[in-house]
């Protein structure tokens, strides 16, 4: 299984969550997944959002490694 993130800048003029982000993660063939996300312009806020996104991926990776 592999994961990817497509991050793009948050548009403050568009307060709603973009549709691509609402339906994340998107599944691809071979068990691959990709997450679409918009990131705030303030670096510390962007880091916080990325950490929240990466935490479940890391937990899933750890479960996979434990089973191997």
PDB file of N, CA and C in Angstrom:
ATOM      1  N   UNK A   1       0.842  -1.172   0.000  1.00  0.00           N
ATOM      2  CA  UNK A   1       0.000   0.000   0.000  1.00  0.00           C
ATOM      3  C   UNK A   1       0.887   1.235   0.000  1.00  0.00           C
ATOM      4  N   UNK A   2       0.485   2.236  -0.730  1.00  0.00           N
ATOM      5  CA  UNK A   2       1.227   3.490  -0.731  1.00  0.00           C
ATOM      6  C   UNK A   2       0.247   4.650  -0.707  1.00  0.00           C
ATOM      7  N   UNK A   3       0.723   5.770  -0.189  1.00  0.00           N
ATOM      8  CA  UNK A   3      -0.095   6.967  -0.029  1.00  0.00           C
ATOM      9  C   UNK A   3       0.614   8.147  -0.663  1.00  0.00           C
ATOM     10  N   UNK A   4      -0.153   9.123  -1.096  1.00  0.00           N
ATOM     11  CA  UNK A   4       0.382  10.378  -1.586  1.00  0.00           C
ATOM     12  C   UNK A   4      -0.534  11.509  -1.163  1.00  0.00           C
ATOM     13  N   UNK A   5      -0.006  12.692  -1.114  1.00  0.00           N
ATOM     14  CA  UNK A   5      -0.796  13.866  -0.756  1.00  0.00           C
ATOM     15  C   UNK A   5      -0.602  14.919  -1.836  1.00  0.00           C
ATOM     16  N   UNK A   6      -1.713  15.441  -2.331  1.00  0.00           N
ATOM     17  CA  UNK A   6      -1.676  16.576  -3.244  1.00  0.00           C
ATOM     18  C   UNK A   6      -2.163  17.774  -2.447  1.00  0.00           C
ATOM     19  N   UNK A   7      -1.248  18.648  -2.114  1.00  0.00           N
ATOM     20  CA  UNK A   7      -1.575  19.825  -1.295  1.00  0.00           C
ATOM     21  C   UNK A   7      -1.529  21.075  -2.163  1.00  0.00           C
ATOM     22  N   UNK A   8      -2.468  21.955  -1.897  1.00  0.00           N
ATOM     23  CA  UNK A   8      -2.540  23.208  -2.633  1.00  0.00           C
ATOM     24  C   UNK A   8      -2.947  24.302  -1.655  1.00  0.00           C
ATOM     25  N   UNK A   9      -2.692  25.570  -1.963  1.00  0.00           N
ATOM     26  CA  UNK A   9      -2.991  26.646  -1.019  1.00  0.00           C
ATOM     27  C   UNK A   9      -4.488  26.815  -0.791  1.00  0.00           C
ATOM     28  N   UNK A  10      -4.844  27.085   0.430  1.00  0.00           N
ATOM     29  CA  UNK A  10      -6.224  27.384   0.791  1.00  0.00           C
ATOM     30  C   UNK A  10      -6.628  28.708   0.159  1.00  0.00           C
ATOM     31  N   UNK A  11      -7.803  28.749  -0.424  1.00  0.00           N
ATOM     32  CA  UNK A  11      -8.327  29.979  -1.004  1.00  0.00           C
ATOM     33  C   UNK A  11      -9.303  30.593  -0.005  1.00  0.00           C
ATOM     34  N   UNK A  12      -8.908  31.656   0.695  1.00  0.00           N
ATOM     35  CA  UNK A  12      -9.780  32.259   1.698  1.00  0.00           C
ATOM     36  C   UNK A  12     -11.112  32.762   1.126  1.00  0.00           C
ATOM     37  N   UNK A  13     -11.176  33.007  -0.171  1.00  0.00           N
ATOM     38  CA  UNK A  13     -12.412  33.458  -0.810  1.00  0.00           C
ATOM     39  C   UNK A  13     -13.406  32.307  -0.989  1.00  0.00           C
ATOM     40  N   UNK A  14     -12.930  31.077  -0.821  1.00  0.00           N
ATOM     41  CA  UNK A  14     -13.780  29.896  -0.965  1.00  0.00           C
ATOM     42  C   UNK A  14     -13.851  29.192   0.395  1.00  0.00           C
ATOM     43  N   UNK A  15     -14.779  29.594   1.268  1.00  0.00           N
ATOM     44  CA  UNK A  15     -14.807  29.045   2.621  1.00  0.00           C
ATOM     45  C   UNK A  15     -15.222  27.569   2.699  1.00  0.00           C
ATOM     46  N   UNK A  16     -15.878  27.051   1.667  1.00  0.00           N
ATOM     47  CA  UNK A  16     -16.298  25.651   1.724  1.00  0.00           C
ATOM     48  C   UNK A  16     -15.121  24.725   1.410  1.00  0.00           C
ATOM     49  N   UNK A  17     -15.232  23.494   1.873  1.00  0.00           N
ATOM     50  CA  UNK A  17     -14.184  22.501   1.608  1.00  0.00           C
ATOM     51  C   UNK A  17     -14.334  22.030   0.162  1.00  0.00           C
ATOM     52  N   UNK A  18     -13.254  22.075  -0.625  1.00  0.00           N
ATOM     53  CA  UNK A  18     -13.341  21.643  -2.021  1.00  0.00           C
ATOM     54  C   UNK A  18     -13.797  20.183  -2.118  1.00  0.00           C
ATOM     55  N   UNK A  19     -14.519  19.868  -3.179  1.00  0.00           N
ATOM     56  CA  UNK A  19     -15.070  18.528  -3.361  1.00  0.00           C
ATOM     57  C   UNK A  19     -13.984  17.452  -3.362  1.00  0.00           C
ATOM     58  N   UNK A  20     -12.858  17.717  -4.002  1.00  0.00           N
ATOM     59  CA  UNK A  20     -11.775  16.727  -4.024  1.00  0.00           C
ATOM     60  C   UNK A  20     -11.307  16.400  -2.611  1.00  0.00           C
ATOM     61  N   UNK A  21     -11.254  17.409  -1.754  1.00  0.00           N
ATOM     62  CA  UNK A  21     -10.825  17.199  -0.375  1.00  0.00           C
ATOM     63  C   UNK A  21     -11.904  16.476   0.435  1.00  0.00           C
ATOM     64  N   UNK A  22     -13.166  16.754   0.164  1.00  0.00           N
ATOM     65  CA  UNK A  22     -14.259  16.101   0.875  1.00  0.00           C
ATOM     66  C   UNK A  22     -14.262  14.596   0.658  1.00  0.00           C
ATOM     67  N   UNK A  23     -13.882  14.161  -0.536  1.00  0.00           N
ATOM     68  CA  UNK A  23     -13.923  12.738  -0.876  1.00  0.00           C
ATOM     69  C   UNK A  23     -12.581  12.036  -0.681  1.00  0.00           C
ATOM     70  N   UNK A  24     -11.641  12.674  -0.024  1.00  0.00           N
ATOM     71  CA  UNK A  24     -10.332  12.069   0.236  1.00  0.00           C
ATOM     72  C   UNK A  24     -10.449  11.032   1.342  1.00  0.00           C
ATOM     73  N   UNK A  25      -9.616  10.022   1.345  1.00  0.00           N
ATOM     74  CA  UNK A  25      -8.622   9.724   0.310  1.00  0.00           C
ATOM     75  C   UNK A  25      -9.251   9.058  -0.910  1.00  0.00           C
ATOM     76  N   UNK A  26      -8.637   9.294  -2.051  1.00  0.00           N
ATOM     77  CA  UNK A  26      -9.071   8.675  -3.286  1.00  0.00           C
ATOM     78  C   UNK A  26      -8.278   7.386  -3.450  1.00  0.00           C
ATOM     79  N   UNK A  27      -8.934   6.330  -3.856  1.00  0.00           N
ATOM     80  CA  UNK A  27      -8.277   5.031  -4.034  1.00  0.00           C
ATOM     81  C   UNK A  27      -7.864   4.852  -5.490  1.00  0.00           C
ATOM     82  N   UNK A  28      -6.656   4.372  -5.669  1.00  0.00           N
ATOM     83  CA  UNK A  28      -6.128   4.057  -6.989  1.00  0.00           C
ATOM     84  C   UNK A  28      -5.912   2.547  -7.068  1.00  0.00           C
ATOM     85  N   UNK A  29      -5.477   2.064  -8.193  1.00  0.00           N
ATOM     86  CA  UNK A  29      -5.227   0.632  -8.327  1.00  0.00           C
ATOM     87  C   UNK A  29      -4.056   0.199  -7.448  1.00  0.00           C
ATOM     88  N   UNK A  30      -3.999  -1.053  -7.142  1.00  0.00           N
ATOM     89  CA  UNK A  30      -2.885  -1.591  -6.352  1.00  0.00           C
ATOM     90  C   UNK A  30      -2.882  -1.144  -4.898  1.00  0.00           C
ATOM     91  N   UNK A  31      -4.027  -0.716  -4.366  1.00  0.00           N
ATOM     92  CA  UNK A  31      -4.086  -0.300  -2.965  1.00  0.00           C
ATOM     93  C   UNK A  31      -3.501   1.070  -2.687  1.00  0.00           C
ATOM     94  N   UNK A  32      -3.178   1.795  -3.739  1.00  0.00           N
ATOM     95  CA  UNK A  32      -2.618   3.137  -3.539  1.00  0.00           C
ATOM     96  C   UNK A  32      -3.737   4.123  -3.255  1.00  0.00           C
ATOM     97  N   UNK A  33      -3.436   5.121  -2.450  1.00  0.00           N
ATOM     98  CA  UNK A  33      -4.406   6.155  -2.105  1.00  0.00           C
ATOM     99  C   UNK A  33      -3.747   7.520  -2.211  1.00  0.00           C
ATOM    100  N   UNK A  34      -4.573   8.498  -2.531  1.00  0.00           N
ATOM    101  CA  UNK A  34      -4.072   9.872  -2.574  1.00  0.00           C
ATOM    102  C   UNK A  34      -5.055  10.773  -1.836  1.00  0.00           C
ATOM    103  N   UNK A  35      -4.506  11.677  -1.070  1.00  0.00           N
ATOM    104  CA  UNK A  35      -5.289  12.630  -0.295  1.00  0.00           C
ATOM    105  C   UNK A  35      -5.137  14.003  -0.939  1.00  0.00           C
ATOM    106  N   UNK A  36      -6.245  14.652  -1.195  1.00  0.00           N
ATOM    107  CA  UNK A  36      -6.240  16.032  -1.670  1.00  0.00           C
ATOM    108  C   UNK A  36      -6.509  16.916  -0.462  1.00  0.00           C
ATOM    109  N   UNK A  37      -5.754  17.970  -0.311  1.00  0.00           N
ATOM    110  CA  UNK A  37      -5.970  18.876   0.815  1.00  0.00           C
ATOM    111  C   UNK A  37      -5.512  20.288   0.480  1.00  0.00           C
ATOM    112  N   UNK A  38      -6.213  21.233   1.042  1.00  0.00           N
ATOM    113  CA  UNK A  38      -5.785  22.628   0.920  1.00  0.00           C
ATOM    114  C   UNK A  38      -5.079  22.993   2.223  1.00  0.00           C
ATOM    115  N   UNK A  39      -4.008  23.742   2.104  1.00  0.00           N
ATOM    116  CA  UNK A  39      -3.217  24.114   3.276  1.00  0.00           C
ATOM    117  C   UNK A  39      -3.328  25.608   3.549  1.00  0.00           C
ATOM    118  N   UNK A  40      -3.475  25.956   4.818  1.00  0.00           N
ATOM    119  CA  UNK A  40      -3.496  27.372   5.188  1.00  0.00           C
ATOM    120  C   UNK A  40      -2.174  28.054   4.828  1.00  0.00           C
ATOM    121  N   UNK A  41      -2.220  29.358   4.697  1.00  0.00           N
ATOM    122  CA  UNK A  41      -1.026  30.125   4.353  1.00  0.00           C
ATOM    123  C   UNK A  41      -0.080  30.298   5.545  1.00  0.00           C
ATOM    124  N   UNK A  42      -0.591  30.190   6.753  1.00  0.00           N
ATOM    125  CA  UNK A  42       0.247  30.304   7.950  1.00  0.00           C
ATOM    126  C   UNK A  42       0.957  28.957   8.138  1.00  0.00           C
ATOM    127  N   UNK A  43       2.268  28.980   8.142  1.00  0.00           N
ATOM    128  CA  UNK A  43       3.060  27.748   8.167  1.00  0.00           C
ATOM    129  C   UNK A  43       2.696  26.827   9.333  1.00  0.00           C
ATOM    130  N   UNK A  44       2.549  27.373  10.530  1.00  0.00           N
ATOM    131  CA  UNK A  44       2.250  26.513  11.685  1.00  0.00           C
ATOM    132  C   UNK A  44       0.888  25.840  11.531  1.00  0.00           C
ATOM    133  N   UNK A  45      -0.078  26.519  10.941  1.00  0.00           N
ATOM    134  CA  UNK A  45      -1.392  25.922  10.693  1.00  0.00           C
ATOM    135  C   UNK A  45      -1.303  24.825   9.631  1.00  0.00           C
ATOM    136  N   UNK A  46      -0.486  25.058   8.618  1.00  0.00           N
ATOM    137  CA  UNK A  46      -0.295  24.053   7.568  1.00  0.00           C
ATOM    138  C   UNK A  46       0.369  22.802   8.136  1.00  0.00           C
ATOM    139  N   UNK A  47       1.360  22.982   8.988  1.00  0.00           N
ATOM    140  CA  UNK A  47       2.047  21.844   9.612  1.00  0.00           C
ATOM    141  C   UNK A  47       1.064  21.040  10.465  1.00  0.00           C
ATOM    142  N   UNK A  48       0.237  21.723  11.230  1.00  0.00           N
ATOM    143  CA  UNK A  48      -0.756  21.046  12.066  1.00  0.00           C
ATOM    144  C   UNK A  48      -1.704  20.213  11.203  1.00  0.00           C
ATOM    145  N   UNK A  49      -2.181  20.786  10.112  1.00  0.00           N
ATOM    146  CA  UNK A  49      -3.103  20.061   9.236  1.00  0.00           C
ATOM    147  C   UNK A  49      -2.422  18.849   8.613  1.00  0.00           C
ATOM    148  N   UNK A  50      -1.168  18.993   8.181  1.00  0.00           N
ATOM    149  CA  UNK A  50      -0.445  17.857   7.606  1.00  0.00           C
ATOM    150  C   UNK A  50      -0.224  16.749   8.640  1.00  0.00           C
ATOM    151  N   UNK A  51       0.080  17.122   9.859  1.00  0.00           N
ATOM    152  CA  UNK A  51       0.271  16.110  10.909  1.00  0.00           C
ATOM    153  C   UNK A  51      -1.006  15.310  11.147  1.00  0.00           C
ATOM    154  N   UNK A  52      -2.138  15.995  11.144  1.00  0.00           N
ATOM    155  CA  UNK A  52      -3.426  15.310  11.321  1.00  0.00           C
ATOM    156  C   UNK A  52      -3.674  14.347  10.158  1.00  0.00           C
ATOM    157  N   UNK A  53      -3.330  14.757   8.945  1.00  0.00           N
ATOM    158  CA  UNK A  53      -3.518  13.901   7.781  1.00  0.00           C
ATOM    159  C   UNK A  53      -2.587  12.687   7.784  1.00  0.00           C
ATOM    160  N   UNK A  54      -1.358  12.882   8.230  1.00  0.00           N
ATOM    161  CA  UNK A  54      -0.359  11.822   8.165  1.00  0.00           C
ATOM    162  C   UNK A  54      -0.504  10.801   9.297  1.00  0.00           C
ATOM    163  N   UNK A  55      -1.057  11.193  10.416  1.00  0.00           N
ATOM    164  CA  UNK A  55      -1.161  10.287  11.571  1.00  0.00           C
ATOM    165  C   UNK A  55      -1.858   8.965  11.230  1.00  0.00           C
ATOM    166  N   UNK A  56      -3.037   8.958  10.579  1.00  0.00           N
ATOM    167  CA  UNK A  56      -3.665   7.670  10.263  1.00  0.00           C
ATOM    168  C   UNK A  56      -2.857   6.842   9.272  1.00  0.00           C
ATOM    169  N   UNK A  57      -2.178   7.504   8.346  1.00  0.00           N
ATOM    170  CA  UNK A  57      -1.352   6.791   7.367  1.00  0.00           C
ATOM    171  C   UNK A  57      -0.203   6.088   8.079  1.00  0.00           C
ATOM    172  N   UNK A  58       0.411   6.772   9.016  1.00  0.00           N
ATOM    173  CA  UNK A  58       1.515   6.189   9.784  1.00  0.00           C
ATOM    174  C   UNK A  58       1.027   5.007  10.602  1.00  0.00           C
ATOM    175  N   UNK A  59      -0.142   5.139  11.227  1.00  0.00           N
ATOM    176  CA  UNK A  59      -0.697   4.042  12.019  1.00  0.00           C
ATOM    177  C   UNK A  59      -0.983   2.834  11.133  1.00  0.00           C
ATOM    178  N   UNK A  60      -1.520   3.062   9.943  1.00  0.00           N
ATOM    179  CA  UNK A  60      -1.806   1.969   9.013  1.00  0.00           C
ATOM    180  C   UNK A  60      -0.512   1.296   8.571  1.00  0.00           C
ATOM    181  N   UNK A  61       0.513   2.086   8.295  1.00  0.00           N
ATOM    182  CA  UNK A  61       1.805   1.526   7.905  1.00  0.00           C
ATOM    183  C   UNK A  61       2.376   0.648   9.017  1.00  0.00           C
ATOM    184  N   UNK A  62       2.247   1.106  10.251  1.00  0.00           N
ATOM    185  CA  UNK A  62       2.759   0.339  11.387  1.00  0.00           C
ATOM    186  C   UNK A  62       2.017  -0.988  11.531  1.00  0.00           C
ATOM    187  N   UNK A  63       0.700  -0.984  11.300  1.00  0.00           N
ATOM    188  CA  UNK A  63      -0.075  -2.233  11.360  1.00  0.00           C
ATOM    189  C   UNK A  63       0.387  -3.191  10.274  1.00  0.00           C
ATOM    190  N   UNK A  64       0.627  -2.667   9.084  1.00  0.00           N
ATOM    191  CA  UNK A  64       1.091  -3.501   7.970  1.00  0.00           C
ATOM    192  C   UNK A  64       2.439  -4.130   8.296  1.00  0.00           C
ATOM    193  N   UNK A  65       3.346  -3.330   8.830  1.00  0.00           N
ATOM    194  CA  UNK A  65       4.681  -3.851   9.154  1.00  0.00           C
ATOM    195  C   UNK A  65       4.619  -4.896  10.250  1.00  0.00           C
ATOM    196  N   UNK A  66       3.711  -4.731  11.200  1.00  0.00           N
ATOM    197  CA  UNK A  66       3.581  -5.700  12.274  1.00  0.00           C
ATOM    198  C   UNK A  66       3.064  -7.036  11.747  1.00  0.00           C
ATOM    199  N   UNK A  67       2.266  -7.017  10.699  1.00  0.00           N
ATOM    200  CA  UNK A  67       1.711  -8.239  10.126  1.00  0.00           C
ATOM    201  C   UNK A  67       2.721  -8.963   9.237  1.00  0.00           C
ATOM    202  N   UNK A  68       3.708  -8.245   8.747  1.00  0.00           N
ATOM    203  CA  UNK A  68       4.682  -8.829   7.798  1.00  0.00           C
ATOM    204  C   UNK A  68       5.649  -9.771   8.471  1.00  0.00           C
TER     205      UNK A  68
END
